[in-house]
Structure formats: C-alpha cells, structure tokens
Amino acid sequence: MNKDESKAVSEILHELSNTSHVQVRSSTELAVHVSEAAEDEDEKRIGKGQGPLRRRTDYRAIRNAPRSLTLTPWQVIHAIGLGAASARQGAGRGLAEHWGSLRYNQALEANQGDYLRLSSEGRDLLRFYKATQSGEIGTGFASLLAEKLVRATYPDHSVSVIPADVALKAGWALRSTSGTGARPEPLQRRPHFFVEAWQPGQPSKVILVSSKGTHSSVQQVHKQLSTASAHVESVHIGPYGTVPYLLIGTEIPKKESLALHVLEGPGATVLRPSGDAEEADPDLTLDQRNRVADVVRYAERERTTIPGFQVLPESFAWFSVVLARTEAATLTAFTGGGKPTTQYLTKEQGQRHFQHDVHANTDRMRDAEHRIHDIDFLGTDHIYRLNGTRVEAFSGLKKSLYTHLHHGRVNEYRREVHALRGQWPDRSASEQWSAVSIRADGTVIAIRLREE
C-alpha cells in the first residue's frame, strides 16, 4: 500500500465524520413561488392539449422550522443506503444494493462546523449522471429532514421512514400489466416516503413525503416542488385530500453550500381501525392484495371516482401491518438481505429478489459482528478499493434487534427499539472506525481503512 495514497484515503474517511450544517428554508414566499411554477407548468400543458396536473395546493411554510440540519456526510450516506436497500435501485441483486451509496464517499465536503457542500469530486460529473446524483442525495437529505420534523411534532413517538413504492406494491399494481399503454398520470406520480410516527400498541400517525434534488438554480427547485405537489396528490389515507405531507427540495449548487427547501400540508392522519375491525398485528404474514387504483372524491355534493391510491378506515389495520413489515424488510435488507427479508415481503414487493443470498463483491452475508460504542451489531462487511486503497465498510443492526426480526418478531423489535429512544450514542467515529452512523432504528454503518 502506498503510504501517501493511504494517508489521502484516511483523510477522506475522517472527513465523513465531520459535523456540518445544511440550511433549511421554509417561507410563505417559497409557497408563492411554487404555486406560480405550478401555474406556469399547467399553462404549458394546456397549450400542448394536456390537462392540468392534479395537485395538493394546501401547502404552507412550516411554523418554527429549524434554520439548519446538523449532520455528517456519513449520516447522509447511511440514509441513502437505507432508501436504496428497500427500493431495489440499480443493477445489483436484491435490496442489498444499498452498498451503491458508497459512491458518495467523496461527493460531499464537510469542514467541521461549516456548511456542507459538494466536493471537487462531487462536482466533476458527467452530465448524464448529475440527475442520478441529485435525486439520490436529495432523497437522503429529505428522509433526514422529514424524520427530524416529525420527531419534533411527536416527541414521544418513534419515527420510521418507509419507501412508498415498496409499501404500495403490497396492495396495488404500480405498473400496467397488460402492456397496452401508459397508466393515468396520477398512478405514475407517487410520493417517495411514508413517515410513520408510532408507539407500541397505539395507532400510528402517517405523513407523505415527496423529495426532489437539483444541481440547478433555486427556480428549478420551485418547479420541482410544484411537481412534488402532484406526487403527494396520488395517495390518500382516509378521506380525499386530508393526509398531511412534506415537499422537500434539495438545492445542490456547484460552488455554494447545500440548502433544503421545505413546505408542509397541514393535518393529522391516525391509523385508528374503524368499528369492529381487527387490531393490527405486524407479526402476521402479509397477504398480497389486488386493489383497484381508485380514489373517492366528493365535489359539490357529488361523488366521483378518480385514479389514485386510497386507504380507507376499514383498511387502516392492514396498512399498519404493511408499514411495519416493509420497514422490517428494509432493516434486514440493510444487514445483507437474503432469506430473513423474504418473510416480510409479498411477491409483488420483490420477495423473489431475496430467495438466495447473492450480492456482488460480498462473499458472506450477515456473518460479521462488531462491537461499536459498546453495542453489539450483526451485519455484513463489504471490502472494496477507494482510490486504489482497500477500505472496509460494515452495515448492520443491533444484535438483539436483528434476532427479533430474523425470527419474525416485529412486535418485539418495535417494543425494544422504542424503549431505546434517546439512548443511542451520537459519536461519529470510534477507535476502530473512521466514521460511524447509528440511527434510532438500531442500524449502523461504519467505515475504515483495511490493511492489505
């Protein structure tokens, strides 16, 4: 190993643990600009013979929004990895593709206590890849900001960020099965996350999140958020247009610091089963449903049916199970995927991707145990080269929590992880690891140099 190369990589890994800030912007002026962008887009659509988009238009600035988000680049990579683990993005096998998040090891520049920005490596991209980078980085920041905002609203709850597409596939076909043409636009535009605020044995609160990211100007952020308002309009939990939501746009300038632009749709949606409906039990196997993608809307005392996804009160218990088991699949996928994940997914959610333990560049799955900050974690090691130097990354879950999920005990997992709220260490490095991120869901991701 070349000593200079090793030192350079060591510095890169150290910078991943630097605490920096990201600006958060939410204002009435932002809401006005987004509405203007929506009007401009609809005028262009009408000029092309298309109708205006269905959108949620009740968005507003967030009262008492934080001025900044304080985090490390490694926490962002952790969030990107969890999102990819559950969404099966990329060309790899199964949900363990979250390792693709490691491509961002050199993309973000974090000077201790300063504002986060793109590094020279992050700026030096081919044009076609910028859209992918802005989307994935934007998703990571959006999930972290959404989690922070929902925790502030429900401080005595645990908060889970769940990929919307994976959850929706338990009840609806998201693509045309006939191959005879595109589905209606509202079925093509969907929110990115469900954020669930929950307590063991209590009905959950649910918020929709649509996230965007751009390397362009703030005007492009306004356009993207106007489109995001159409994404959240496609899903309704309870009566039409009542589920709260967040619209989050990540501005990634080439030279200036990053900024998060956010608006909210007010309200509260509680998954309280109606009447004599059975209580939710996430330990029970989830049956695939084949629901009609229709939404009931009342306008001027008339009942109409429009394309979209709707969960009515009689299905709240079922949807609670969907959210809890989809989260369980995300967590077991993050530890290495494989058979422990199949039990939590239906066929349409991608169960077959986990029938076999296959993942490129990883010889053995879920066989690595590391003690980090006096907590035992179980997961998977990943060895690769960064600028020619061998690097080891580890993703896992607190061992006792993983044991619960391995054996299908979602209720036990939730009881234990909820009891651990506020007790997780927030140190971003350790003696053995250059960068460490531990989340409130019990997952960890850590990285260090690997001796030849």
Protein backbone atom coordinates (compact mmCIF):
# COMPACT_ATOMS: atom_id res chain seq x y z
CA MET A 1 0.00 0.00 0.00
CA ASN A 2 1.41 3.39 -0.97
CA LYS A 3 1.71 5.47 2.24
CA ASP A 4 0.69 8.71 0.53
CA GLU A 5 -2.38 7.07 -1.01
CA SER A 6 -3.28 5.53 2.34
CA LYS A 7 -2.98 8.89 4.07
CA ALA A 8 -5.14 10.58 1.43
CA VAL A 9 -7.87 7.94 1.79
CA SER A 10 -7.58 8.13 5.58
CA GLU A 11 -8.29 11.87 5.38
CA ILE A 12 -11.30 11.24 3.12
CA LEU A 13 -12.74 8.78 5.62
CA HIS A 14 -12.07 11.14 8.53
CA GLU A 15 -13.94 13.96 6.78
CA LEU A 16 -17.00 11.71 6.55
CA SER A 17 -17.37 12.10 10.32
CA ASN A 18 -17.13 15.91 10.34
CA THR A 19 -20.26 17.60 11.67
CA SER A 20 -21.58 20.26 9.30
CA HIS A 21 -24.78 22.18 8.69
CA VAL A 22 -27.31 22.31 5.86
CA GLN A 23 -29.56 25.33 5.51
CA VAL A 24 -33.30 24.75 5.83
CA ARG A 25 -35.60 27.25 4.11
CA SER A 26 -39.36 27.40 4.52
CA SER A 27 -41.36 30.57 3.94
CA THR A 28 -44.60 31.98 2.59
CA GLU A 29 -42.54 33.37 -0.28
CA LEU A 30 -41.41 29.84 -1.16
CA ALA A 31 -45.04 28.64 -1.21
CA VAL A 32 -45.97 31.52 -3.55
CA HIS A 33 -43.11 30.71 -5.93
CA VAL A 34 -44.14 27.04 -6.01
CA SER A 35 -47.74 27.99 -6.82
CA GLU A 36 -46.53 30.27 -9.62
CA ALA A 37 -44.37 27.46 -11.02
CA ALA A 38 -47.39 25.13 -10.94
CA GLU A 39 -49.49 27.67 -12.86
CA ASP A 40 -46.76 28.07 -15.48
CA GLU A 41 -46.46 24.31 -15.91
CA ASP A 42 -50.20 23.85 -16.26
CA GLU A 43 -50.41 26.62 -18.87
CA LYS A 44 -47.76 24.82 -20.93
CA ARG A 45 -49.62 21.52 -20.56
CA ILE A 46 -52.87 23.09 -21.69
CA GLY A 47 -51.05 24.58 -24.69
CA LYS A 48 -49.99 21.06 -25.64
CA GLY A 49 -53.52 19.74 -25.37
CA GLN A 50 -52.95 18.17 -21.95
CA GLY A 51 -54.95 18.89 -18.86
CA PRO A 52 -53.51 20.49 -15.70
CA LEU A 53 -51.93 18.17 -13.15
CA ARG A 54 -53.90 17.15 -10.10
CA ARG A 55 -52.04 18.65 -7.17
CA ARG A 56 -52.28 19.28 -3.45
CA THR A 57 -52.46 23.06 -3.14
CA ASP A 58 -52.84 23.47 0.63
CA TYR A 59 -49.09 23.63 1.28
CA ARG A 60 -47.62 26.31 3.51
CA ALA A 61 -44.44 27.32 5.29
CA ILE A 62 -43.55 25.23 8.32
CA ARG A 63 -44.04 27.10 11.54
CA ASN A 64 -40.92 27.08 13.72
CA ALA A 65 -38.92 25.25 11.04
CA PRO A 66 -35.27 24.69 12.03
CA ARG A 67 -32.83 27.05 10.38
CA SER A 68 -30.41 24.24 9.64
CA LEU A 69 -29.90 20.50 9.80
CA THR A 70 -26.75 19.40 11.63
CA LEU A 71 -25.23 16.14 10.40
CA THR A 72 -22.20 14.37 8.97
CA PRO A 73 -21.75 13.24 5.34
CA TRP A 74 -21.68 9.65 6.67
CA GLN A 75 -25.19 10.09 8.09
CA VAL A 76 -26.38 11.17 4.64
CA ILE A 77 -24.77 8.09 3.08
CA HIS A 78 -26.48 5.98 5.76
CA ALA A 79 -29.86 7.45 4.80
CA ILE A 80 -29.21 6.96 1.06
CA GLY A 81 -28.22 3.36 1.74
CA LEU A 82 -31.38 2.59 3.68
CA GLY A 83 -33.51 4.08 0.91
CA ALA A 84 -31.75 2.07 -1.79
CA ALA A 85 -31.93 -1.11 0.29
CA SER A 86 -35.69 -1.04 0.21
CA ALA A 87 -36.23 0.31 -3.27
CA ARG A 88 -34.08 -2.21 -5.24
CA GLN A 89 -32.49 0.54 -7.33
CA GLY A 90 -29.61 -0.08 -9.72
CA ALA A 91 -28.37 -3.22 -11.43
CA GLY A 92 -27.41 -5.36 -8.43
CA ARG A 93 -29.25 -8.28 -6.88
CA GLY A 94 -31.96 -7.62 -4.35
CA LEU A 95 -32.30 -4.95 -1.74
CA ALA A 96 -28.66 -5.21 -0.63
CA GLU A 97 -27.90 -2.67 -3.37
CA HIS A 98 -27.66 -0.10 -0.63
CA TRP A 99 -23.88 -0.52 -0.97
CA GLY A 100 -24.21 1.75 -4.01
CA SER A 101 -24.44 4.63 -1.53
CA LEU A 102 -20.68 4.30 -1.02
CA ARG A 103 -20.17 6.06 -4.35
CA TYR A 104 -20.80 9.26 -2.39
CA ASN A 105 -17.83 8.83 -0.07
CA GLN A 106 -16.04 11.65 -1.88
CA ALA A 107 -19.02 13.67 -3.09
CA LEU A 108 -19.70 15.86 -0.05
CA GLU A 109 -17.25 18.29 1.56
CA ALA A 110 -17.67 18.75 5.30
CA ASN A 111 -15.48 21.21 7.17
CA GLN A 112 -16.08 20.89 10.91
CA GLY A 113 -18.85 23.28 11.97
CA ASP A 114 -19.18 24.77 8.47
CA TYR A 115 -21.92 24.37 5.86
CA LEU A 116 -21.99 21.23 3.73
CA ARG A 117 -21.26 21.50 0.01
CA LEU A 118 -20.24 19.41 -2.97
CA SER A 119 -16.57 18.43 -3.06
CA SER A 120 -14.48 18.81 -6.21
CA GLU A 121 -15.06 15.09 -6.77
CA GLY A 122 -18.81 15.61 -6.49
CA ARG A 123 -18.72 18.50 -8.96
CA ASP A 124 -16.68 16.58 -11.53
CA LEU A 125 -19.52 14.56 -13.01
CA LEU A 126 -20.63 13.62 -16.46
CA ARG A 127 -23.82 15.45 -17.32
CA PHE A 128 -25.98 12.33 -17.59
CA TYR A 129 -25.03 11.26 -14.06
CA LYS A 130 -25.97 14.54 -12.39
CA ALA A 131 -29.68 13.74 -12.36
CA THR A 132 -28.98 10.45 -10.58
CA GLN A 133 -26.70 12.12 -8.04
CA SER A 134 -29.11 14.96 -7.29
CA GLY A 135 -32.00 12.51 -6.93
CA GLU A 136 -30.19 10.12 -4.60
CA ILE A 137 -28.52 12.79 -2.48
CA GLY A 138 -31.82 14.69 -2.34
CA THR A 139 -33.60 11.57 -1.13
CA GLY A 140 -31.06 11.10 1.66
CA PHE A 141 -31.37 14.67 2.91
CA ALA A 142 -35.17 14.61 2.60
CA SER A 143 -35.50 11.49 4.73
CA LEU A 144 -33.28 13.00 7.45
CA LEU A 145 -35.17 16.31 7.47
CA ALA A 146 -38.57 14.61 7.42
CA GLU A 147 -37.55 12.42 10.34
CA LYS A 148 -36.39 15.46 12.33
CA LEU A 149 -39.59 17.40 11.65
CA VAL A 150 -41.90 14.51 12.56
CA ARG A 151 -39.93 13.79 15.76
CA ALA A 152 -40.39 17.42 16.75
CA THR A 153 -44.15 17.10 16.20
CA TYR A 154 -44.45 13.76 18.04
CA PRO A 155 -41.56 13.75 20.55
CA ASP A 156 -42.89 10.74 22.50
CA HIS A 157 -43.12 8.57 19.36
CA SER A 158 -40.63 6.54 17.35
CA VAL A 159 -40.35 7.59 13.71
CA SER A 160 -39.88 5.31 10.70
CA VAL A 161 -39.18 6.39 7.11
CA ILE A 162 -40.67 3.80 4.72
CA PRO A 163 -40.30 3.72 0.90
CA ALA A 164 -43.73 4.42 -0.57
CA ASP A 165 -43.40 2.31 -3.71
CA VAL A 166 -42.45 -0.84 -1.79
CA ALA A 167 -45.32 -0.35 0.65
CA LEU A 168 -47.90 0.39 -2.07
CA LYS A 169 -46.96 -2.75 -4.01
CA ALA A 170 -48.50 -4.82 -1.19
CA GLY A 171 -51.93 -3.63 -2.32
CA TRP A 172 -51.75 -2.24 -5.85
CA ALA A 173 -50.03 -2.93 -9.15
CA LEU A 174 -47.91 0.14 -9.83
CA ARG A 175 -47.35 -0.64 -13.49
CA SER A 176 -49.59 -1.67 -16.33
CA THR A 177 -49.80 -5.47 -16.50
CA SER A 178 -51.36 -5.53 -19.98
CA GLY A 179 -48.55 -3.72 -21.75
CA THR A 180 -51.13 -1.78 -23.77
CA GLY A 181 -50.04 1.71 -22.79
CA ALA A 182 -49.20 4.11 -20.02
CA ARG A 183 -51.33 4.28 -16.90
CA PRO A 184 -53.04 7.53 -15.91
CA GLU A 185 -50.62 10.19 -14.67
CA PRO A 186 -51.72 10.07 -11.01
CA LEU A 187 -50.67 6.41 -10.91
CA GLN A 188 -47.25 7.26 -12.34
CA ARG A 189 -46.52 10.08 -9.87
CA ARG A 190 -46.21 8.88 -6.28
CA PRO A 191 -44.67 10.17 -3.04
CA HIS A 192 -41.24 8.84 -2.13
CA PHE A 193 -41.83 8.00 1.55
CA PHE A 194 -44.38 7.32 4.18
CA VAL A 195 -43.19 8.68 7.52
CA GLU A 196 -44.78 6.76 10.38
CA ALA A 197 -44.83 8.11 13.94
CA TRP A 198 -45.69 5.20 16.22
CA GLN A 199 -45.82 3.82 19.74
CA PRO A 200 -46.17 0.11 20.57
CA GLY A 201 -49.84 -0.86 20.80
CA GLN A 202 -51.09 2.55 19.62
CA PRO A 203 -52.44 3.70 16.22
CA SER A 204 -49.74 5.24 14.03
CA LYS A 205 -49.66 8.71 12.51
CA VAL A 206 -48.72 8.86 8.81
CA ILE A 207 -47.23 11.68 6.71
CA LEU A 208 -46.42 11.61 2.97
CA VAL A 209 -43.07 12.91 1.70
CA SER A 210 -42.12 13.83 -1.85
CA SER A 211 -38.47 14.72 -2.40
CA LYS A 212 -36.58 16.31 -5.26
CA GLY A 213 -32.99 17.37 -5.86
CA THR A 214 -31.28 19.60 -8.40
CA HIS A 215 -27.86 20.95 -9.35
CA SER A 216 -29.60 23.89 -10.99
CA SER A 217 -30.92 27.21 -9.65
CA VAL A 218 -33.49 27.89 -6.95
CA GLN A 219 -36.02 28.49 -9.75
CA GLN A 220 -35.64 24.82 -10.65
CA VAL A 221 -36.35 23.95 -7.01
CA HIS A 222 -39.66 25.82 -7.31
CA LYS A 223 -40.55 23.84 -10.44
CA GLN A 224 -39.61 20.56 -8.79
CA LEU A 225 -41.67 21.28 -5.69
CA SER A 226 -44.67 22.13 -7.87
CA THR A 227 -44.30 18.69 -9.44
CA ALA A 228 -43.87 17.16 -5.99
CA SER A 229 -47.30 18.54 -5.08
CA ALA A 230 -48.70 16.26 -7.80
CA HIS A 231 -46.79 13.26 -6.40
CA VAL A 232 -48.39 13.56 -2.97
CA GLU A 233 -51.85 14.03 -4.53
CA SER A 234 -51.87 10.47 -5.83
CA VAL A 235 -52.08 8.85 -2.36
CA HIS A 236 -54.91 9.39 0.12
CA ILE A 237 -55.21 7.83 3.56
CA GLY A 238 -58.71 8.35 4.87
CA PRO A 239 -60.93 10.93 3.12
CA TYR A 240 -59.67 12.59 -0.05
CA GLY A 241 -57.06 15.32 0.45
CA THR A 242 -56.71 15.03 4.22
CA VAL A 243 -53.40 13.21 4.77
CA PRO A 244 -50.55 15.60 5.77
CA TYR A 245 -47.41 15.78 3.66
CA LEU A 246 -43.99 17.35 3.22
CA LEU A 247 -42.49 18.68 -0.02
CA ILE A 248 -38.69 18.78 0.21
CA GLY A 249 -36.30 20.04 -2.46
CA THR A 250 -32.51 19.77 -2.11
CA GLU A 251 -30.56 22.52 -3.86
CA ILE A 252 -27.03 21.30 -4.67
CA PRO A 253 -25.10 24.28 -6.11
CA LYS A 254 -21.79 23.71 -7.80
CA LYS A 255 -19.85 26.09 -5.53
CA GLU A 256 -22.12 27.25 -2.71
CA SER A 257 -23.42 25.29 0.27
CA LEU A 258 -26.39 22.95 0.02
CA ALA A 259 -29.89 24.09 1.02
CA LEU A 260 -33.13 22.25 1.80
CA HIS A 261 -36.41 23.89 0.76
CA VAL A 262 -39.49 22.51 2.51
CA LEU A 263 -43.25 23.08 2.66
CA GLU A 264 -45.92 21.19 4.56
CA GLY A 265 -49.53 20.19 4.08
CA PRO A 266 -51.21 20.50 7.48
CA GLY A 267 -53.29 17.93 9.31
CA ALA A 268 -53.01 14.62 11.13
CA THR A 269 -53.90 11.15 9.87
CA VAL A 270 -54.17 8.44 12.54
CA LEU A 271 -54.46 4.79 11.51
CA ARG A 272 -57.17 4.02 14.06
CA PRO A 273 -59.20 0.98 12.89
CA SER A 274 -62.87 1.69 12.36
CA GLY A 275 -65.70 -0.03 14.22
CA ASP A 276 -65.09 -3.70 14.94
CA ALA A 277 -62.07 -4.00 12.65
CA GLU A 278 -59.28 -6.21 13.97
CA GLU A 279 -56.23 -4.63 15.55
CA ALA A 280 -53.02 -4.60 13.53
CA ASP A 281 -50.56 -7.41 14.23
CA PRO A 282 -47.29 -6.95 12.29
CA ASP A 283 -46.15 -10.45 13.32
CA LEU A 284 -48.72 -11.92 10.93
CA THR A 285 -47.69 -12.73 7.36
CA LEU A 286 -48.83 -10.10 4.91
CA ASP A 287 -51.15 -11.29 2.15
CA GLN A 288 -50.82 -9.69 -1.28
CA ARG A 289 -53.88 -7.69 -2.24
CA ASN A 290 -55.01 -6.59 -5.67
CA ARG A 291 -56.84 -3.35 -5.09
CA VAL A 292 -58.41 -1.13 -7.71
CA ALA A 293 -56.38 2.06 -8.03
CA ASP A 294 -59.29 4.42 -7.45
CA VAL A 295 -59.86 7.35 -5.09
CA VAL A 296 -63.28 8.56 -3.96
CA ARG A 297 -63.66 12.33 -4.13
CA TYR A 298 -66.64 14.45 -3.16
CA ALA A 299 -67.09 17.76 -5.01
CA GLU A 300 -70.20 19.91 -4.80
CA ARG A 301 -72.03 17.08 -3.02
CA GLU A 302 -71.30 14.69 -5.88
CA ARG A 303 -69.29 11.51 -5.51
CA THR A 304 -66.71 10.88 -8.22
CA THR A 305 -64.02 8.25 -8.66
CA ILE A 306 -60.57 9.23 -9.95
CA PRO A 307 -57.30 7.29 -10.48
CA GLY A 308 -55.07 7.06 -7.40
CA PHE A 309 -54.29 5.06 -4.28
CA GLN A 310 -56.59 5.28 -1.27
CA VAL A 311 -56.57 3.55 2.11
CA LEU A 312 -59.98 3.82 3.78
CA PRO A 313 -60.54 3.40 7.56
CA GLU A 314 -61.65 -0.23 7.22
CA SER A 315 -58.16 -0.98 5.85
CA PHE A 316 -56.14 1.01 8.39
CA ALA A 317 -55.15 -2.11 10.35
CA TRP A 318 -53.94 -3.80 7.15
CA PHE A 319 -51.96 -0.71 6.16
CA SER A 320 -50.37 -0.51 9.61
CA VAL A 321 -49.07 -4.04 9.06
CA VAL A 322 -47.83 -3.08 5.59
CA LEU A 323 -45.79 -0.19 7.02
CA ALA A 324 -44.32 -2.20 9.90
CA ARG A 325 -43.35 -5.20 7.77
CA THR A 326 -41.97 -3.05 4.94
CA GLU A 327 -39.75 -1.33 7.49
CA ALA A 328 -38.66 -4.74 8.80
CA ALA A 329 -37.74 -5.75 5.24
CA THR A 330 -35.72 -2.55 4.84
CA LEU A 331 -33.76 -3.21 8.03
CA THR A 332 -32.99 -6.86 7.27
CA ALA A 333 -32.06 -5.89 3.71
CA PHE A 334 -29.66 -3.31 5.11
CA THR A 335 -27.91 -6.01 7.12
CA GLY A 336 -27.39 -8.10 3.98
CA GLY A 337 -30.74 -9.11 2.55
CA GLY A 338 -31.32 -12.78 1.77
CA LYS A 339 -33.86 -15.14 3.30
CA PRO A 340 -34.54 -13.17 6.52
CA THR A 341 -36.02 -10.46 4.29
CA THR A 342 -38.33 -12.68 2.23
CA GLN A 343 -40.68 -13.28 5.16
CA TYR A 344 -41.62 -9.59 5.25
CA LEU A 345 -42.41 -9.03 1.58
CA THR A 346 -45.17 -10.13 -0.75
CA LYS A 347 -44.41 -11.40 -4.23
CA GLU A 348 -45.17 -8.02 -5.79
CA GLN A 349 -42.95 -6.24 -3.27
CA GLY A 350 -39.94 -8.18 -4.54
CA GLN A 351 -39.83 -11.28 -2.38
CA ARG A 352 -38.09 -13.29 -5.11
CA HIS A 353 -35.07 -10.98 -5.03
CA PHE A 354 -34.18 -12.44 -1.63
CA GLN A 355 -34.67 -16.13 -2.23
CA HIS A 356 -30.91 -16.60 -2.45
CA ASP A 357 -28.01 -14.85 -0.76
CA VAL A 358 -26.35 -13.34 -3.83
CA HIS A 359 -24.59 -9.98 -3.87
CA ALA A 360 -21.61 -9.00 -5.96
CA ASN A 361 -18.34 -8.30 -4.11
CA THR A 362 -19.63 -9.67 -0.79
CA ASP A 363 -18.60 -13.24 -0.04
CA ARG A 364 -20.67 -13.90 3.07
CA MET A 365 -23.86 -12.26 4.27
CA ARG A 366 -24.91 -11.37 7.82
CA ASP A 367 -21.90 -13.12 9.39
CA ALA A 368 -19.98 -10.06 10.63
CA GLU A 369 -20.22 -8.97 14.25
CA HIS A 370 -18.67 -5.77 15.54
CA ARG A 371 -18.85 -4.02 18.89
CA ILE A 372 -19.17 -0.27 18.30
CA HIS A 373 -19.65 2.20 21.14
CA ASP A 374 -20.25 -0.76 23.50
CA ILE A 375 -23.15 -2.08 21.37
CA ASP A 376 -23.02 -5.46 19.60
CA PHE A 377 -24.06 -5.24 15.94
CA LEU A 378 -24.61 -8.02 13.40
CA GLY A 379 -24.46 -7.44 9.66
CA THR A 380 -22.32 -7.63 6.55
CA ASP A 381 -18.79 -6.43 5.74
CA HIS A 382 -18.01 -5.02 2.33
CA ILE A 383 -14.39 -4.77 1.13
CA TYR A 384 -13.60 -2.56 -1.83
CA ARG A 385 -10.98 -0.12 -3.09
CA LEU A 386 -11.16 3.64 -2.76
CA ASN A 387 -8.57 5.35 -4.96
CA GLY A 388 -6.64 2.07 -5.00
CA THR A 389 -6.66 1.63 -1.22
CA ARG A 390 -8.56 -1.21 0.46
CA VAL A 391 -11.47 0.03 2.58
CA GLU A 392 -13.88 -1.91 4.80
CA ALA A 393 -17.49 -0.82 5.29
CA PHE A 394 -19.94 -2.50 7.65
CA SER A 395 -23.72 -2.21 7.79
CA GLY A 396 -25.72 -3.93 10.46
CA LEU A 397 -28.37 -3.86 13.16
CA LYS A 398 -28.11 -4.10 16.94
CA LYS A 399 -27.79 -7.83 17.51
CA SER A 400 -30.80 -8.26 19.81
CA LEU A 401 -32.98 -6.27 17.40
CA TYR A 402 -31.76 -8.31 14.44
CA THR A 403 -32.57 -11.52 16.33
CA HIS A 404 -36.17 -10.35 16.76
CA LEU A 405 -36.53 -9.60 13.04
CA HIS A 406 -34.70 -12.75 11.96
CA HIS A 407 -37.36 -14.78 13.77
CA GLY A 408 -40.30 -12.70 12.56
CA ARG A 409 -40.91 -10.86 15.84
CA VAL A 410 -41.79 -7.39 14.59
CA ASN A 411 -43.72 -6.52 17.75
CA GLU A 412 -40.71 -7.39 19.92
CA TYR A 413 -38.41 -5.37 17.67
CA ARG A 414 -40.67 -2.33 17.95
CA ARG A 415 -41.06 -2.64 21.71
CA GLU A 416 -37.30 -2.82 22.27
CA VAL A 417 -36.28 -0.13 19.79
CA HIS A 418 -38.94 2.24 21.16
CA ALA A 419 -37.63 1.69 24.70
CA LEU A 420 -34.13 2.62 23.44
CA ARG A 421 -35.22 6.06 22.17
CA GLY A 422 -32.75 8.73 23.19
CA GLN A 423 -30.13 6.22 24.33
CA TRP A 424 -28.18 5.76 21.10
CA PRO A 425 -24.65 7.24 21.07
CA ASP A 426 -24.19 10.16 18.69
CA ARG A 427 -20.40 9.97 18.33
CA SER A 428 -19.48 10.00 14.64
CA ALA A 429 -16.25 7.97 14.94
CA SER A 430 -14.63 5.38 17.21
CA GLU A 431 -11.20 3.99 17.94
CA GLN A 432 -11.61 1.26 15.34
CA TRP A 433 -13.72 3.09 12.72
CA SER A 434 -13.08 6.35 10.85
CA ALA A 435 -16.78 7.19 10.51
CA VAL A 436 -19.81 5.75 12.30
CA SER A 437 -23.52 6.46 11.99
CA ILE A 438 -26.08 4.85 14.32
CA ARG A 439 -29.75 5.59 13.75
CA ALA A 440 -32.71 5.38 16.11
CA ASP A 441 -33.94 2.28 14.23
CA GLY A 442 -30.88 0.39 15.52
CA THR A 443 -28.97 0.31 12.23
CA VAL A 444 -25.29 1.17 11.96
CA ILE A 445 -22.93 1.88 9.08
CA ALA A 446 -19.20 2.25 9.68
CA ILE A 447 -16.09 2.55 7.53
CA ARG A 448 -12.30 2.26 7.98
CA LEU A 449 -9.06 1.50 6.17
CA ARG A 450 -8.39 -2.19 5.62
CA GLU A 451 -4.84 -3.41 5.99
CA GLU A 452 -3.50 -5.28 2.99
